[in-house]
mmCIF file of all heavy atoms, coordinates in Angstrom:
data_MODEL
# 
_entry.id   MODEL 
# 
loop_
_atom_site.group_PDB 
_atom_site.id 
_atom_site.type_symbol 
_atom_site.label_atom_id 
_atom_site.label_alt_id 
_atom_site.label_comp_id 
_atom_site.label_asym_id 
_atom_site.label_entity_id 
_atom_site.label_seq_id 
_atom_site.pdbx_PDB_ins_code 
_atom_site.Cartn_x 
_atom_site.Cartn_y 
_atom_site.Cartn_z 
_atom_site.occupancy 
_atom_site.B_iso_or_equiv 
_atom_site.pdbx_formal_charge 
_atom_site.auth_seq_id 
_atom_site.auth_comp_id 
_atom_site.auth_asym_id 
_atom_site.auth_atom_id 
_atom_site.pdbx_PDB_model_num 
ATOM 1   N N   . ILE A 1 1  ? -19.386 -32.538 -14.544 1.00 0.00 ? 1  ILE A N   1 
ATOM 2   C CA  . ILE A 1 1  ? -20.590 -32.672 -13.720 1.00 0.00 ? 1  ILE A CA  1 
ATOM 3   C C   . ILE A 1 1  ? -21.098 -34.104 -13.821 1.00 0.00 ? 1  ILE A C   1 
ATOM 4   O O   . ILE A 1 1  ? -21.429 -34.595 -14.899 1.00 0.00 ? 1  ILE A O   1 
ATOM 5   C CB  . ILE A 1 1  ? -21.709 -31.704 -14.166 1.00 0.00 ? 1  ILE A CB  1 
ATOM 6   C CG1 . ILE A 1 1  ? -21.204 -30.260 -14.174 1.00 0.00 ? 1  ILE A CG1 1 
ATOM 7   C CG2 . ILE A 1 1  ? -22.920 -31.835 -13.232 1.00 0.00 ? 1  ILE A CG2 1 
ATOM 8   C CD1 . ILE A 1 1  ? -22.202 -29.265 -14.756 1.00 0.00 ? 1  ILE A CD1 1 
ATOM 9   N N   . GLU A 1 2  ? -21.159 -34.759 -12.671 1.00 0.00 ? 2  GLU A N   1 
ATOM 10  C CA  . GLU A 1 2  ? -21.679 -36.123 -12.587 1.00 0.00 ? 2  GLU A CA  1 
ATOM 11  C C   . GLU A 1 2  ? -23.109 -36.071 -12.052 1.00 0.00 ? 2  GLU A C   1 
ATOM 12  O O   . GLU A 1 2  ? -23.422 -35.265 -11.186 1.00 0.00 ? 2  GLU A O   1 
ATOM 13  C CB  . GLU A 1 2  ? -20.799 -36.939 -11.643 1.00 0.00 ? 2  GLU A CB  1 
ATOM 14  C CG  . GLU A 1 2  ? -21.225 -38.391 -11.497 1.00 0.00 ? 2  GLU A CG  1 
ATOM 15  C CD  . GLU A 1 2  ? -20.358 -39.152 -10.506 1.00 0.00 ? 2  GLU A CD  1 
ATOM 16  O OE1 . GLU A 1 2  ? -19.302 -38.623 -10.113 1.00 0.00 ? 2  GLU A OE1 1 
ATOM 17  O OE2 . GLU A 1 2  ? -20.763 -40.270 -10.123 1.00 0.00 ? 2  GLU A OE2 1 
ATOM 18  N N   . THR A 1 3  ? -23.968 -36.931 -12.565 1.00 0.00 ? 3  THR A N   1 
ATOM 19  C CA  . THR A 1 3  ? -25.339 -37.015 -12.056 1.00 0.00 ? 3  THR A CA  1 
ATOM 20  C C   . THR A 1 3  ? -25.542 -38.342 -11.336 1.00 0.00 ? 3  THR A C   1 
ATOM 21  O O   . THR A 1 3  ? -24.985 -39.374 -11.729 1.00 0.00 ? 3  THR A O   1 
ATOM 22  C CB  . THR A 1 3  ? -26.374 -36.888 -13.194 1.00 0.00 ? 3  THR A CB  1 
ATOM 23  O OG1 . THR A 1 3  ? -26.169 -37.942 -14.147 1.00 0.00 ? 3  THR A OG1 1 
ATOM 24  C CG2 . THR A 1 3  ? -26.287 -35.536 -13.871 1.00 0.00 ? 3  THR A CG2 1 
ATOM 25  N N   . ARG A 1 4  ? -26.351 -38.291 -10.272 1.00 0.00 ? 4  ARG A N   1 
ATOM 26  C CA  . ARG A 1 4  ? -26.654 -39.507 -9.505  1.00 0.00 ? 4  ARG A CA  1 
ATOM 27  C C   . ARG A 1 4  ? -28.121 -39.496 -9.076  1.00 0.00 ? 4  ARG A C   1 
ATOM 28  O O   . ARG A 1 4  ? -28.606 -38.485 -8.562  1.00 0.00 ? 4  ARG A O   1 
ATOM 29  C CB  . ARG A 1 4  ? -25.774 -39.605 -8.258  1.00 0.00 ? 4  ARG A CB  1 
ATOM 30  C CG  . ARG A 1 4  ? -24.300 -39.793 -8.564  1.00 0.00 ? 4  ARG A CG  1 
ATOM 31  C CD  . ARG A 1 4  ? -23.476 -39.926 -7.288  1.00 0.00 ? 4  ARG A CD  1 
ATOM 32  N NE  . ARG A 1 4  ? -22.053 -39.854 -7.582  1.00 0.00 ? 4  ARG A NE  1 
ATOM 33  C CZ  . ARG A 1 4  ? -21.099 -39.860 -6.654  1.00 0.00 ? 4  ARG A CZ  1 
ATOM 34  N NH1 . ARG A 1 4  ? -21.431 -39.922 -5.367  1.00 0.00 ? 4  ARG A NH1 1 
ATOM 35  N NH2 . ARG A 1 4  ? -19.825 -39.783 -7.006  1.00 0.00 ? 4  ARG A NH2 1 
ATOM 36  N N   . LEU A 1 5  ? -28.784 -40.618 -9.275  1.00 0.00 ? 5  LEU A N   1 
ATOM 37  C CA  . LEU A 1 5  ? -30.133 -40.802 -8.752  1.00 0.00 ? 5  LEU A CA  1 
ATOM 38  C C   . LEU A 1 5  ? -29.999 -41.139 -7.273  1.00 0.00 ? 5  LEU A C   1 
ATOM 39  O O   . LEU A 1 5  ? -29.435 -42.171 -6.907  1.00 0.00 ? 5  LEU A O   1 
ATOM 40  C CB  . LEU A 1 5  ? -30.831 -41.937 -9.502  1.00 0.00 ? 5  LEU A CB  1 
ATOM 41  C CG  . LEU A 1 5  ? -32.307 -42.162 -9.182  1.00 0.00 ? 5  LEU A CG  1 
ATOM 42  C CD1 . LEU A 1 5  ? -33.151 -40.973 -9.625  1.00 0.00 ? 5  LEU A CD1 1 
ATOM 43  C CD2 . LEU A 1 5  ? -32.808 -43.441 -9.854  1.00 0.00 ? 5  LEU A CD2 1 
ATOM 44  N N   . SER A 1 6  ? -30.467 -40.245 -6.425  1.00 0.00 ? 6  SER A N   1 
ATOM 45  C CA  . SER A 1 6  ? -30.197 -40.400 -4.995  1.00 0.00 ? 6  SER A CA  1 
ATOM 46  C C   . SER A 1 6  ? -31.312 -39.798 -4.159  1.00 0.00 ? 6  SER A C   1 
ATOM 47  O O   . SER A 1 6  ? -31.802 -38.706 -4.448  1.00 0.00 ? 6  SER A O   1 
ATOM 48  C CB  . SER A 1 6  ? -28.862 -39.728 -4.644  1.00 0.00 ? 6  SER A CB  1 
ATOM 49  O OG  . SER A 1 6  ? -28.594 -39.804 -3.253  1.00 0.00 ? 6  SER A OG  1 
ATOM 50  N N   . ASP A 1 7  ? -31.690 -40.497 -3.116  1.00 0.00 ? 7  ASP A N   1 
ATOM 51  C CA  . ASP A 1 7  ? -32.600 -39.954 -2.109  1.00 0.00 ? 7  ASP A CA  1 
ATOM 52  C C   . ASP A 1 7  ? -31.744 -39.195 -1.112  1.00 0.00 ? 7  ASP A C   1 
ATOM 53  O O   . ASP A 1 7  ? -31.074 -39.790 -0.271  1.00 0.00 ? 7  ASP A O   1 
ATOM 54  C CB  . ASP A 1 7  ? -33.372 -41.083 -1.421  1.00 0.00 ? 7  ASP A CB  1 
ATOM 55  C CG  . ASP A 1 7  ? -34.377 -40.554 -0.397  1.00 0.00 ? 7  ASP A CG  1 
ATOM 56  O OD1 . ASP A 1 7  ? -34.476 -39.318 -0.239  1.00 0.00 ? 7  ASP A OD1 1 
ATOM 57  O OD2 . ASP A 1 7  ? -35.033 -41.376 0.254   1.00 0.00 ? 7  ASP A OD2 1 
ATOM 58  N N   . GLY A 1 8  ? -31.741 -37.886 -1.233  1.00 0.00 ? 8  GLY A N   1 
ATOM 59  C CA  . GLY A 1 8  ? -30.894 -37.076 -0.356  1.00 0.00 ? 8  GLY A CA  1 
ATOM 60  C C   . GLY A 1 8  ? -29.420 -37.356 -0.593  1.00 0.00 ? 8  GLY A C   1 
ATOM 61  O O   . GLY A 1 8  ? -28.934 -37.362 -1.728  1.00 0.00 ? 8  GLY A O   1 
ATOM 62  N N   . LEU A 1 9  ? -28.715 -37.661 0.498   1.00 0.00 ? 9  LEU A N   1 
ATOM 63  C CA  . LEU A 1 9  ? -27.267 -37.890 0.434   1.00 0.00 ? 9  LEU A CA  1 
ATOM 64  C C   . LEU A 1 9  ? -26.903 -39.374 0.341   1.00 0.00 ? 9  LEU A C   1 
ATOM 65  O O   . LEU A 1 9  ? -25.735 -39.735 0.491   1.00 0.00 ? 9  LEU A O   1 
ATOM 66  C CB  . LEU A 1 9  ? -26.603 -37.282 1.683   1.00 0.00 ? 9  LEU A CB  1 
ATOM 67  C CG  . LEU A 1 9  ? -26.734 -35.758 1.814   1.00 0.00 ? 9  LEU A CG  1 
ATOM 68  C CD1 . LEU A 1 9  ? -26.325 -35.312 3.215   1.00 0.00 ? 9  LEU A CD1 1 
ATOM 69  C CD2 . LEU A 1 9  ? -25.893 -35.042 0.771   1.00 0.00 ? 9  LEU A CD2 1 
ATOM 70  N N   . ALA A 1 10 ? -27.896 -40.226 0.077   1.00 0.00 ? 10 ALA A N   1 
ATOM 71  C CA  . ALA A 1 10 ? -27.683 -41.671 0.139   1.00 0.00 ? 10 ALA A CA  1 
ATOM 72  C C   . ALA A 1 10 ? -26.595 -42.170 -0.809  1.00 0.00 ? 10 ALA A C   1 
ATOM 73  O O   . ALA A 1 10 ? -25.866 -43.114 -0.480  1.00 0.00 ? 10 ALA A O   1 
ATOM 74  C CB  . ALA A 1 10 ? -28.996 -42.398 -0.154  1.00 0.00 ? 10 ALA A CB  1 
ATOM 75  N N   . LYS A 1 11 ? -26.457 -41.565 -1.969  1.00 0.00 ? 11 LYS A N   1 
ATOM 76  C CA  . LYS A 1 11 ? -25.479 -42.033 -2.964  1.00 0.00 ? 11 LYS A CA  1 
ATOM 77  C C   . LYS A 1 11 ? -24.201 -41.205 -2.976  1.00 0.00 ? 11 LYS A C   1 
ATOM 78  O O   . LYS A 1 11 ? -23.436 -41.240 -3.947  1.00 0.00 ? 11 LYS A O   1 
ATOM 79  C CB  . LYS A 1 11 ? -26.113 -42.010 -4.354  1.00 0.00 ? 11 LYS A CB  1 
ATOM 80  C CG  . LYS A 1 11 ? -27.322 -42.920 -4.506  1.00 0.00 ? 11 LYS A CG  1 
ATOM 81  C CD  . LYS A 1 11 ? -26.975 -44.378 -4.231  1.00 0.00 ? 11 LYS A CD  1 
ATOM 82  C CE  . LYS A 1 11 ? -28.200 -45.266 -4.421  1.00 0.00 ? 11 LYS A CE  1 
ATOM 83  N NZ  . LYS A 1 11 ? -27.890 -46.683 -4.111  1.00 0.00 ? 11 LYS A NZ  1 
ATOM 84  N N   . LEU A 1 12 ? -23.958 -40.491 -1.898  1.00 0.00 ? 12 LEU A N   1 
ATOM 85  C CA  . LEU A 1 12 ? -22.749 -39.669 -1.799  1.00 0.00 ? 12 LEU A CA  1 
ATOM 86  C C   . LEU A 1 12 ? -21.869 -40.216 -0.683  1.00 0.00 ? 12 LEU A C   1 
ATOM 87  O O   . LEU A 1 12 ? -22.366 -40.607 0.383   1.00 0.00 ? 12 LEU A O   1 
ATOM 88  C CB  . LEU A 1 12 ? -23.131 -38.224 -1.505  1.00 0.00 ? 12 LEU A CB  1 
ATOM 89  C CG  . LEU A 1 12 ? -22.078 -37.133 -1.758  1.00 0.00 ? 12 LEU A CG  1 
ATOM 90  C CD1 . LEU A 1 12 ? -21.772 -37.021 -3.251  1.00 0.00 ? 12 LEU A CD1 1 
ATOM 91  C CD2 . LEU A 1 12 ? -22.564 -35.795 -1.221  1.00 0.00 ? 12 LEU A CD2 1 
ATOM 92  N N   . GLU A 1 13 ? -20.580 -40.223 -0.916  1.00 0.00 ? 13 GLU A N   1 
ATOM 93  C CA  . GLU A 1 13 ? -19.625 -40.687 0.100   1.00 0.00 ? 13 GLU A CA  1 
ATOM 94  C C   . GLU A 1 13 ? -19.034 -39.481 0.831   1.00 0.00 ? 13 GLU A C   1 
ATOM 95  O O   . GLU A 1 13 ? -18.905 -38.394 0.257   1.00 0.00 ? 13 GLU A O   1 
ATOM 96  C CB  . GLU A 1 13 ? -18.498 -41.493 -0.551  1.00 0.00 ? 13 GLU A CB  1 
ATOM 97  C CG  . GLU A 1 13 ? -18.949 -42.798 -1.188  1.00 0.00 ? 13 GLU A CG  1 
ATOM 98  C CD  . GLU A 1 13 ? -19.497 -43.777 -0.171  1.00 0.00 ? 13 GLU A CD  1 
ATOM 99  O OE1 . GLU A 1 13 ? -18.965 -43.815 0.966   1.00 0.00 ? 13 GLU A OE1 1 
ATOM 100 O OE2 . GLU A 1 13 ? -20.467 -44.490 -0.507  1.00 0.00 ? 13 GLU A OE2 1 
ATOM 101 N N   . PRO A 1 14 ? -18.646 -39.669 2.094   1.00 0.00 ? 14 PRO A N   1 
ATOM 102 C CA  . PRO A 1 14 ? -18.007 -38.566 2.834   1.00 0.00 ? 14 PRO A CA  1 
ATOM 103 C C   . PRO A 1 14 ? -16.763 -38.062 2.104   1.00 0.00 ? 14 PRO A C   1 
ATOM 104 O O   . PRO A 1 14 ? -15.965 -38.850 1.598   1.00 0.00 ? 14 PRO A O   1 
ATOM 105 C CB  . PRO A 1 14 ? -17.623 -39.217 4.171   1.00 0.00 ? 14 PRO A CB  1 
ATOM 106 C CG  . PRO A 1 14 ? -18.582 -40.360 4.331   1.00 0.00 ? 14 PRO A CG  1 
ATOM 107 C CD  . PRO A 1 14 ? -18.812 -40.872 2.939   1.00 0.00 ? 14 PRO A CD  1 
ATOM 108 N N   . GLY A 1 15 ? -16.635 -36.748 2.012   1.00 0.00 ? 15 GLY A N   1 
ATOM 109 C CA  . GLY A 1 15 ? -15.453 -36.149 1.402   1.00 0.00 ? 15 GLY A CA  1 
ATOM 110 C C   . GLY A 1 15 ? -15.545 -35.945 -0.092  1.00 0.00 ? 15 GLY A C   1 
ATOM 111 O O   . GLY A 1 15 ? -14.586 -35.456 -0.708  1.00 0.00 ? 15 GLY A O   1 
ATOM 112 N N   . GLU A 1 16 ? -16.683 -36.284 -0.715  1.00 0.00 ? 16 GLU A N   1 
ATOM 113 C CA  . GLU A 1 16 ? -16.794 -36.120 -2.169  1.00 0.00 ? 16 GLU A CA  1 
ATOM 114 C C   . GLU A 1 16 ? -17.106 -34.683 -2.585  1.00 0.00 ? 16 GLU A C   1 
ATOM 115 O O   . GLU A 1 16 ? -17.082 -34.373 -3.773  1.00 0.00 ? 16 GLU A O   1 
ATOM 116 C CB  . GLU A 1 16 ? -17.874 -37.052 -2.726  1.00 0.00 ? 16 GLU A CB  1 
ATOM 117 C CG  . GLU A 1 16 ? -17.433 -38.491 -2.850  1.00 0.00 ? 16 GLU A CG  1 
ATOM 118 C CD  . GLU A 1 16 ? -18.364 -39.300 -3.740  1.00 0.00 ? 16 GLU A CD  1 
ATOM 119 O OE1 . GLU A 1 16 ? -19.489 -39.614 -3.304  1.00 0.00 ? 16 GLU A OE1 1 
ATOM 120 O OE2 . GLU A 1 16 ? -17.968 -39.605 -4.882  1.00 0.00 ? 16 GLU A OE2 1 
ATOM 121 N N   . GLY A 1 17 ? -17.423 -33.834 -1.635  1.00 0.00 ? 17 GLY A N   1 
ATOM 122 C CA  . GLY A 1 17 ? -17.714 -32.449 -1.967  1.00 0.00 ? 17 GLY A CA  1 
ATOM 123 C C   . GLY A 1 17 ? -17.318 -31.514 -0.851  1.00 0.00 ? 17 GLY A C   1 
ATOM 124 O O   . GLY A 1 17 ? -17.108 -31.935 0.295   1.00 0.00 ? 17 GLY A O   1 
ATOM 125 N N   . ASP A 1 18 ? -17.199 -30.229 -1.188  1.00 0.00 ? 18 ASP A N   1 
ATOM 126 C CA  . ASP A 1 18 ? -16.855 -29.198 -0.201  1.00 0.00 ? 18 ASP A CA  1 
ATOM 127 C C   . ASP A 1 18 ? -18.066 -28.339 0.162   1.00 0.00 ? 18 ASP A C   1 
ATOM 128 O O   . ASP A 1 18 ? -18.208 -27.908 1.307   1.00 0.00 ? 18 ASP A O   1 
ATOM 129 C CB  . ASP A 1 18 ? -15.741 -28.303 -0.751  1.00 0.00 ? 18 ASP A CB  1 
ATOM 130 C CG  . ASP A 1 18 ? -14.537 -29.092 -1.219  1.00 0.00 ? 18 ASP A CG  1 
ATOM 131 O OD1 . ASP A 1 18 ? -14.009 -29.878 -0.411  1.00 0.00 ? 18 ASP A OD1 1 
ATOM 132 O OD2 . ASP A 1 18 ? -14.140 -28.936 -2.392  1.00 0.00 ? 18 ASP A OD2 1 
ATOM 133 N N   . THR A 1 19 ? -18.913 -28.072 -0.828  1.00 0.00 ? 19 THR A N   1 
ATOM 134 C CA  . THR A 1 19 ? -20.115 -27.267 -0.623  1.00 0.00 ? 19 THR A CA  1 
ATOM 135 C C   . THR A 1 19 ? -21.336 -28.121 -0.924  1.00 0.00 ? 19 THR A C   1 
ATOM 136 O O   . THR A 1 19 ? -21.440 -28.697 -2.014  1.00 0.00 ? 19 THR A O   1 
ATOM 137 C CB  . THR A 1 19 ? -20.128 -26.037 -1.544  1.00 0.00 ? 19 THR A CB  1 
ATOM 138 O OG1 . THR A 1 19 ? -19.025 -25.193 -1.232  1.00 0.00 ? 19 THR A OG1 1 
ATOM 139 C CG2 . THR A 1 19 ? -21.422 -25.242 -1.368  1.00 0.00 ? 19 THR A CG2 1 
ATOM 140 N N   . LEU A 1 20 ? -22.255 -28.186 0.034   1.00 0.00 ? 20 LEU A N   1 
ATOM 141 C CA  . LEU A 1 20 ? -23.513 -28.898 -0.177  1.00 0.00 ? 20 LEU A CA  1 
ATOM 142 C C   . LEU A 1 20 ? -24.630 -27.878 -0.351  1.00 0.00 ? 20 LEU A C   1 
ATOM 143 O O   . LEU A 1 20 ? -24.812 -26.994 0.491   1.00 0.00 ? 20 LEU A O   1 
ATOM 144 C CB  . LEU A 1 20 ? -23.824 -29.794 1.029   1.00 0.00 ? 20 LEU A CB  1 
ATOM 145 C CG  . LEU A 1 20 ? -25.206 -30.474 1.027   1.00 0.00 ? 20 LEU A CG  1 
ATOM 146 C CD1 . LEU A 1 20 ? -25.328 -31.437 -0.144  1.00 0.00 ? 20 LEU A CD1 1 
ATOM 147 C CD2 . LEU A 1 20 ? -25.453 -31.194 2.350   1.00 0.00 ? 20 LEU A CD2 1 
ATOM 148 N N   . VAL A 1 21 ? -25.357 -27.993 -1.451  1.00 0.00 ? 21 VAL A N   1 
ATOM 149 C CA  . VAL A 1 21 ? -26.514 -27.137 -1.692  1.00 0.00 ? 21 VAL A CA  1 
ATOM 150 C C   . VAL A 1 21 ? -27.777 -27.990 -1.649  1.00 0.00 ? 21 VAL A C   1 
ATOM 151 O O   . VAL A 1 21 ? -27.854 -29.035 -2.300  1.00 0.00 ? 21 VAL A O   1 
ATOM 152 C CB  . VAL A 1 21 ? -26.422 -26.433 -3.066  1.00 0.00 ? 21 VAL A CB  1 
ATOM 153 C CG1 . VAL A 1 21 ? -27.729 -25.701 -3.372  1.00 0.00 ? 21 VAL A CG1 1 
ATOM 154 C CG2 . VAL A 1 21 ? -25.260 -25.451 -3.092  1.00 0.00 ? 21 VAL A CG2 1 
ATOM 155 N N   . ILE A 1 22 ? -28.736 -27.547 -0.843  1.00 0.00 ? 22 ILE A N   1 
ATOM 156 C CA  . ILE A 1 22 ? -30.076 -28.157 -0.846  1.00 0.00 ? 22 ILE A CA  1 
ATOM 157 C C   . ILE A 1 22 ? -31.071 -27.011 -0.929  1.00 0.00 ? 22 ILE A C   1 
ATOM 158 O O   . ILE A 1 22 ? -31.100 -26.151 -0.047  1.00 0.00 ? 22 ILE A O   1 
ATOM 159 C CB  . ILE A 1 22 ? -30.349 -28.998 0.418   1.00 0.00 ? 22 ILE A CB  1 
ATOM 160 C CG1 . ILE A 1 22 ? -29.192 -29.960 0.730   1.00 0.00 ? 22 ILE A CG1 1 
ATOM 161 C CG2 . ILE A 1 22 ? -31.649 -29.784 0.243   1.00 0.00 ? 22 ILE A CG2 1 
ATOM 162 C CD1 . ILE A 1 22 ? -29.404 -30.784 1.992   1.00 0.00 ? 22 ILE A CD1 1 
ATOM 163 N N   . ALA A 1 23 ? -31.856 -26.996 -1.963  1.00 0.00 ? 23 ALA A N   1 
ATOM 164 C CA  . ALA A 1 23 ? -32.777 -25.881 -2.178  1.00 0.00 ? 23 ALA A CA  1 
ATOM 165 C C   . ALA A 1 23 ? -34.100 -26.387 -2.741  1.00 0.00 ? 23 ALA A C   1 
ATOM 166 O O   . ALA A 1 23 ? -34.191 -27.492 -3.281  1.00 0.00 ? 23 ALA A O   1 
ATOM 167 C CB  . ALA A 1 23 ? -32.161 -24.864 -3.141  1.00 0.00 ? 23 ALA A CB  1 
ATOM 168 N N   . GLY A 1 24 ? -35.122 -25.548 -2.573  1.00 0.00 ? 24 GLY A N   1 
ATOM 169 C CA  . GLY A 1 24 ? -36.392 -25.827 -3.222  1.00 0.00 ? 24 GLY A CA  1 
ATOM 170 C C   . GLY A 1 24 ? -37.226 -26.910 -2.591  1.00 0.00 ? 24 GLY A C   1 
ATOM 171 O O   . GLY A 1 24 ? -37.999 -27.577 -3.285  1.00 0.00 ? 24 GLY A O   1 
ATOM 172 N N   . MET A 1 25 ? -37.086 -27.104 -1.275  1.00 0.00 ? 25 MET A N   1 
ATOM 173 C CA  . MET A 1 25 ? -37.924 -28.093 -0.600  1.00 0.00 ? 25 MET A CA  1 
ATOM 174 C C   . MET A 1 25 ? -38.245 -27.612 0.813   1.00 0.00 ? 25 MET A C   1 
ATOM 175 O O   . MET A 1 25 ? -37.648 -26.663 1.314   1.00 0.00 ? 25 MET A O   1 
ATOM 176 C CB  . MET A 1 25 ? -37.244 -29.465 -0.569  1.00 0.00 ? 25 MET A CB  1 
ATOM 177 C CG  . MET A 1 25 ? -35.904 -29.509 0.124   1.00 0.00 ? 25 MET A CG  1 
ATOM 178 S SD  . MET A 1 25 ? -35.058 -31.101 -0.066  1.00 0.00 ? 25 MET A SD  1 
ATOM 179 C CE  . MET A 1 25 ? -34.435 -30.993 -1.763  1.00 0.00 ? 25 MET A CE  1 
# 
């Protein structure tokens, strides 16, 4: 598990994940 300080998806590159979870907002 990697952690990243990120505003939304700003610090993520396309293709780095298969499932995106956004919850609690």
